[in-house]
Amino acid sequence: MHFRHADDIWHDFPELAAGALYVAGIRSDATVNAHLAHFEAIARARLAERTEAELPEIQAWRRAFARMALKATQYRSASEALLRRFRKEGTLPKIHPLIDLCNAASLAFAIPIAVFDLAKIDGDLEVRPAVGDEIYTAFSGEVEFPELQEIIFADAGGRAHARRWTNRQSGYSAVRDDTAAVLIVAEALHADARADVGRLVDALGEAIRTTWSVDPKSAILERAAPRFDF
């Protein structure tokens, strides 16, 4: 399998920096509390100085959403939505140790992170403009069809696993208790995106390694090398 961004994405968003991790051997009985506390402490310190809307990482995604004709207050990147909830409630709901870990890392770095159960991915996965006939399944079970040219995560079978780029992930390929292998994708657009995505991938990879005693495969993607084989 491989993951990549389409050439159109790199052309329209040359500032994009993306990191990907392939992880096999995940279990739902792991404990990640120490890692969560570490990442959440970083997020609290950042939010004590400014709101999530003032962070350069979030502002970059707001500009990208505006270019996609999406209203900033109606559609938020996954990282902005998490930070907003964390600032208001002081915590995030616990879902699955891997999801909890990735959500906490997203808080700390203010970078959206998607996690896909690879058993639900048909062939390769690509971030690309929608043609309009892809199938998207919400967490509610409702079936939707992305709009023409909307940026989605699409597999070879024509299923959309995320809508509006980093805004809304599908319930179809969400991590569950029986998930064994995942693809994790982190994307950023701000000035220091490449360095920060690299630090995120390293930190998340180390947390996964120590928690599940597995060795994640990872890559930093760029326009000249946009493909991650795993």
Protein backbone atom coordinates (compact mmCIF):
# COMPACT_ATOMS: atom_id res chain seq x y z
CA MET A 1 0.00 0.00 0.00
CA HIS A 2 0.99 3.61 -0.30
CA PHE A 3 -0.18 7.03 0.81
CA ARG A 4 0.34 10.26 -1.11
CA HIS A 5 -0.98 13.72 -1.87
CA ALA A 6 -2.05 14.36 -5.44
CA ASP A 7 0.01 16.72 -7.57
CA ASP A 8 -2.86 19.23 -7.46
CA ILE A 9 -2.48 19.51 -3.70
CA TRP A 10 1.25 20.21 -3.86
CA HIS A 11 0.68 22.74 -6.65
CA ASP A 12 -2.02 24.64 -4.76
CA PHE A 13 -0.41 24.32 -1.32
CA PRO A 14 3.38 24.25 -1.83
CA GLU A 15 3.87 25.17 1.84
CA LEU A 16 2.42 21.80 2.90
CA ALA A 17 4.49 19.56 5.16
CA ALA A 18 3.20 16.07 5.88
CA GLY A 19 4.33 13.22 8.06
CA ALA A 20 3.08 9.64 8.01
CA LEU A 21 3.51 6.63 10.27
CA TYR A 22 2.58 3.02 9.64
CA VAL A 23 2.03 1.07 12.84
CA ALA A 24 1.14 -2.60 13.24
CA GLY A 25 0.54 -4.43 16.51
CA ILE A 26 -1.78 -1.92 18.18
CA ARG A 27 -3.89 -3.14 21.11
CA SER A 28 -6.68 -1.38 22.96
CA ASP A 29 -5.54 -2.38 26.46
CA ALA A 30 -2.47 -0.12 26.52
CA THR A 31 -1.90 2.67 29.05
CA VAL A 32 -0.81 6.05 27.71
CA ASN A 33 -1.50 8.32 30.69
CA ALA A 34 2.07 9.58 31.10
CA HIS A 35 2.30 10.53 27.43
CA LEU A 36 -1.08 12.25 27.56
CA ALA A 37 -0.02 14.29 30.57
CA HIS A 38 3.16 15.38 28.79
CA PHE A 39 1.44 16.50 25.60
CA GLU A 40 -1.47 18.13 27.42
CA ALA A 41 0.92 20.13 29.61
CA ILE A 42 2.50 21.59 26.48
CA ALA A 43 -0.93 22.50 25.13
CA ARG A 44 -1.99 24.14 28.40
CA ALA A 45 1.16 26.26 28.45
CA ARG A 46 0.56 27.45 24.90
CA LEU A 47 -3.12 28.19 25.52
CA ALA A 48 -2.22 30.15 28.65
CA GLU A 49 -0.49 32.67 26.39
CA ARG A 50 -2.98 32.87 23.51
CA THR A 51 -6.15 31.25 22.20
CA GLU A 52 -6.01 28.51 19.60
CA ALA A 53 -7.16 30.97 16.91
CA GLU A 54 -3.98 33.00 17.48
CA LEU A 55 -1.57 30.10 17.01
CA PRO A 56 0.35 30.26 13.69
CA GLU A 57 -0.41 26.60 12.99
CA ILE A 58 -4.15 27.23 13.25
CA GLN A 59 -4.03 30.51 11.36
CA ALA A 60 -2.35 28.75 8.44
CA TRP A 61 -5.16 26.20 8.25
CA ARG A 62 -7.76 28.98 8.50
CA ARG A 63 -6.17 30.65 5.48
CA ALA A 64 -6.22 27.34 3.61
CA PHE A 65 -9.87 26.78 4.47
CA ALA A 66 -10.67 30.29 3.24
CA ARG A 67 -8.99 29.41 -0.06
CA MET A 68 -11.29 26.39 -0.21
CA ALA A 69 -14.29 28.70 0.40
CA LEU A 70 -14.95 27.22 3.86
CA LYS A 71 -16.02 29.54 6.67
CA ALA A 72 -13.51 29.57 9.53
CA THR A 73 -16.18 29.48 12.25
CA GLN A 74 -18.24 26.78 10.55
CA TYR A 75 -15.49 24.39 9.48
CA ARG A 76 -12.42 24.03 11.66
CA SER A 77 -9.36 21.88 11.18
CA ALA A 78 -9.27 18.87 13.49
CA SER A 79 -6.50 20.42 15.59
CA GLU A 80 -8.40 23.68 16.07
CA ALA A 81 -11.55 21.81 17.10
CA LEU A 82 -9.59 19.75 19.64
CA LEU A 83 -7.78 22.78 21.07
CA ARG A 84 -11.02 24.72 21.34
CA ARG A 85 -12.69 21.91 23.27
CA PHE A 86 -9.61 21.37 25.44
CA ARG A 87 -9.43 25.09 26.31
CA LYS A 88 -13.10 25.18 27.31
CA GLU A 89 -13.35 21.83 29.12
CA GLY A 90 -9.79 21.22 30.27
CA THR A 91 -9.82 17.64 29.01
CA LEU A 92 -10.75 15.44 26.05
CA PRO A 93 -12.92 12.31 26.13
CA LYS A 94 -11.08 8.99 26.18
CA ILE A 95 -11.77 6.92 23.08
CA HIS A 96 -8.94 4.44 22.44
CA PRO A 97 -5.35 4.68 23.73
CA LEU A 98 -3.94 5.33 20.25
CA ILE A 99 -6.58 7.95 19.42
CA ASP A 100 -6.12 9.56 22.84
CA LEU A 101 -2.36 9.69 22.21
CA CYS A 102 -2.73 11.21 18.75
CA ASN A 103 -5.29 13.74 19.99
CA ALA A 104 -2.94 14.81 22.77
CA ALA A 105 -0.05 15.16 20.31
CA SER A 106 -2.32 17.22 18.07
CA LEU A 107 -3.02 19.51 21.03
CA ALA A 108 0.66 19.94 21.82
CA PHE A 109 1.72 20.71 18.25
CA ALA A 110 -1.55 22.34 17.08
CA ILE A 111 -1.29 20.14 13.98
CA PRO A 112 -4.16 17.96 12.73
CA ILE A 113 -3.58 14.21 12.91
CA ALA A 114 -5.70 11.58 11.18
CA VAL A 115 -5.62 7.89 12.10
CA PHE A 116 -7.01 5.25 9.73
CA ASP A 117 -7.72 1.57 10.40
CA LEU A 118 -5.95 -0.03 7.44
CA ALA A 119 -8.33 -3.00 7.44
CA LYS A 120 -10.96 -0.54 6.17
CA ILE A 121 -8.84 1.01 3.41
CA ASP A 122 -9.30 -0.40 -0.09
CA GLY A 123 -5.91 -0.26 -1.80
CA ASP A 124 -3.90 2.95 -1.70
CA LEU A 125 -4.92 6.20 0.02
CA GLU A 126 -4.58 9.63 -1.59
CA VAL A 127 -5.40 13.20 -0.60
CA ARG A 128 -7.00 14.66 -3.72
CA PRO A 129 -9.90 16.73 -5.04
CA ALA A 130 -13.17 14.80 -5.07
CA VAL A 131 -14.88 13.92 -8.33
CA GLY A 132 -18.21 13.88 -6.48
CA ASP A 133 -19.20 10.22 -6.49
CA GLU A 134 -17.06 9.04 -3.58
CA ILE A 135 -18.87 7.51 -0.60
CA TYR A 136 -18.33 8.99 2.85
CA THR A 137 -19.76 7.41 6.00
CA ALA A 138 -20.19 9.69 9.01
CA PHE A 139 -19.84 8.47 12.60
CA SER A 140 -23.64 8.50 12.75
CA GLY A 141 -23.73 5.96 9.91
CA GLU A 142 -25.19 8.49 7.48
CA VAL A 143 -23.82 8.24 3.95
CA GLU A 144 -22.69 11.45 2.25
CA PHE A 145 -21.12 12.39 -1.07
CA PRO A 146 -18.32 14.98 -1.02
CA GLU A 147 -18.75 18.02 -3.20
CA LEU A 148 -16.94 18.29 -6.52
CA GLN A 149 -13.30 19.39 -5.98
CA GLU A 150 -13.60 19.14 -2.19
CA ILE A 151 -10.29 17.87 -0.80
CA ILE A 152 -10.71 14.36 0.58
CA PHE A 153 -8.74 11.31 1.65
CA ALA A 154 -9.83 8.74 -0.95
CA ASP A 155 -8.96 5.08 -1.36
CA ALA A 156 -8.76 3.04 -4.56
CA GLY A 157 -12.34 1.85 -4.11
CA GLY A 158 -13.79 5.35 -4.25
CA ARG A 159 -14.50 5.70 -0.54
CA ALA A 160 -13.75 9.03 1.17
CA HIS A 161 -12.11 8.58 4.57
CA ALA A 162 -12.04 12.29 5.41
CA ARG A 163 -13.95 15.31 4.13
CA ARG A 164 -12.82 18.91 3.76
CA TRP A 165 -9.18 17.85 4.10
CA THR A 166 -8.43 18.01 7.84
CA ASN A 167 -11.93 18.87 8.99
CA ARG A 168 -13.92 15.67 9.31
CA GLN A 169 -12.76 12.06 9.40
CA SER A 170 -15.01 9.15 8.46
CA GLY A 171 -16.46 6.78 11.00
CA TYR A 172 -15.93 3.92 8.54
CA SER A 173 -12.17 3.68 9.04
CA ALA A 174 -12.03 4.94 12.61
CA VAL A 175 -9.89 3.04 15.11
CA ARG A 176 -11.78 0.49 17.20
CA ASP A 177 -10.89 -2.09 19.83
CA ASP A 178 -10.06 -4.72 17.21
CA THR A 179 -7.87 -2.41 15.12
CA ALA A 180 -4.41 -3.91 14.59
CA ALA A 181 -2.68 -1.76 11.95
CA VAL A 182 -3.04 1.96 11.26
CA LEU A 183 -1.83 4.79 9.09
CA ILE A 184 -1.28 8.06 10.94
CA VAL A 185 -1.05 11.30 8.94
CA ALA A 186 -0.05 14.74 10.26
CA GLU A 187 -0.21 17.84 8.03
CA ALA A 188 0.77 21.47 8.53
CA LEU A 189 0.98 24.65 6.47
CA HIS A 190 2.62 27.26 8.72
CA ALA A 191 6.09 28.74 8.28
CA ASP A 192 7.89 26.16 10.44
CA ALA A 193 5.71 23.29 9.28
CA ARG A 194 8.42 20.92 8.09
CA ALA A 195 10.45 21.15 11.29
CA ASP A 196 7.38 20.89 13.51
CA VAL A 197 5.93 17.93 11.62
CA GLY A 198 9.29 16.20 11.94
CA ARG A 199 9.29 16.78 15.70
CA LEU A 200 5.70 15.56 15.95
CA VAL A 201 6.45 12.37 14.02
CA ASP A 202 9.50 11.69 16.21
CA ALA A 203 7.60 12.33 19.45
CA LEU A 204 4.58 10.30 18.44
CA GLY A 205 6.72 7.50 17.08
CA GLU A 206 8.65 7.27 20.35
CA ALA A 207 5.44 7.25 22.42
CA ILE A 208 4.01 4.45 20.26
CA ARG A 209 7.26 2.51 20.42
CA THR A 210 7.42 2.59 24.20
CA THR A 211 3.71 1.91 24.69
CA TRP A 212 3.15 -1.01 22.30
CA SER A 213 6.74 -2.29 21.88
CA VAL A 214 6.47 -1.92 18.11
CA ASP A 215 8.64 -0.13 15.58
CA PRO A 216 6.63 2.36 13.50
CA LYS A 217 7.69 3.08 9.94
CA SER A 218 7.60 6.80 9.21
CA ALA A 219 8.32 9.36 6.50
CA ILE A 220 8.22 13.09 5.93
CA LEU A 221 6.56 13.82 2.60
CA GLU A 222 7.31 16.68 0.24
CA ARG A 223 6.55 17.65 -3.32
CA ALA A 224 9.70 15.96 -4.61
CA ALA A 225 8.98 12.80 -2.61
CA PRO A 226 5.20 12.69 -2.06
CA ARG A 227 4.71 8.94 -1.62
CA PHE A 228 4.90 6.77 1.51
CA ASP A 229 5.07 3.03 0.85
CA PHE A 230 4.25 0.70 3.71
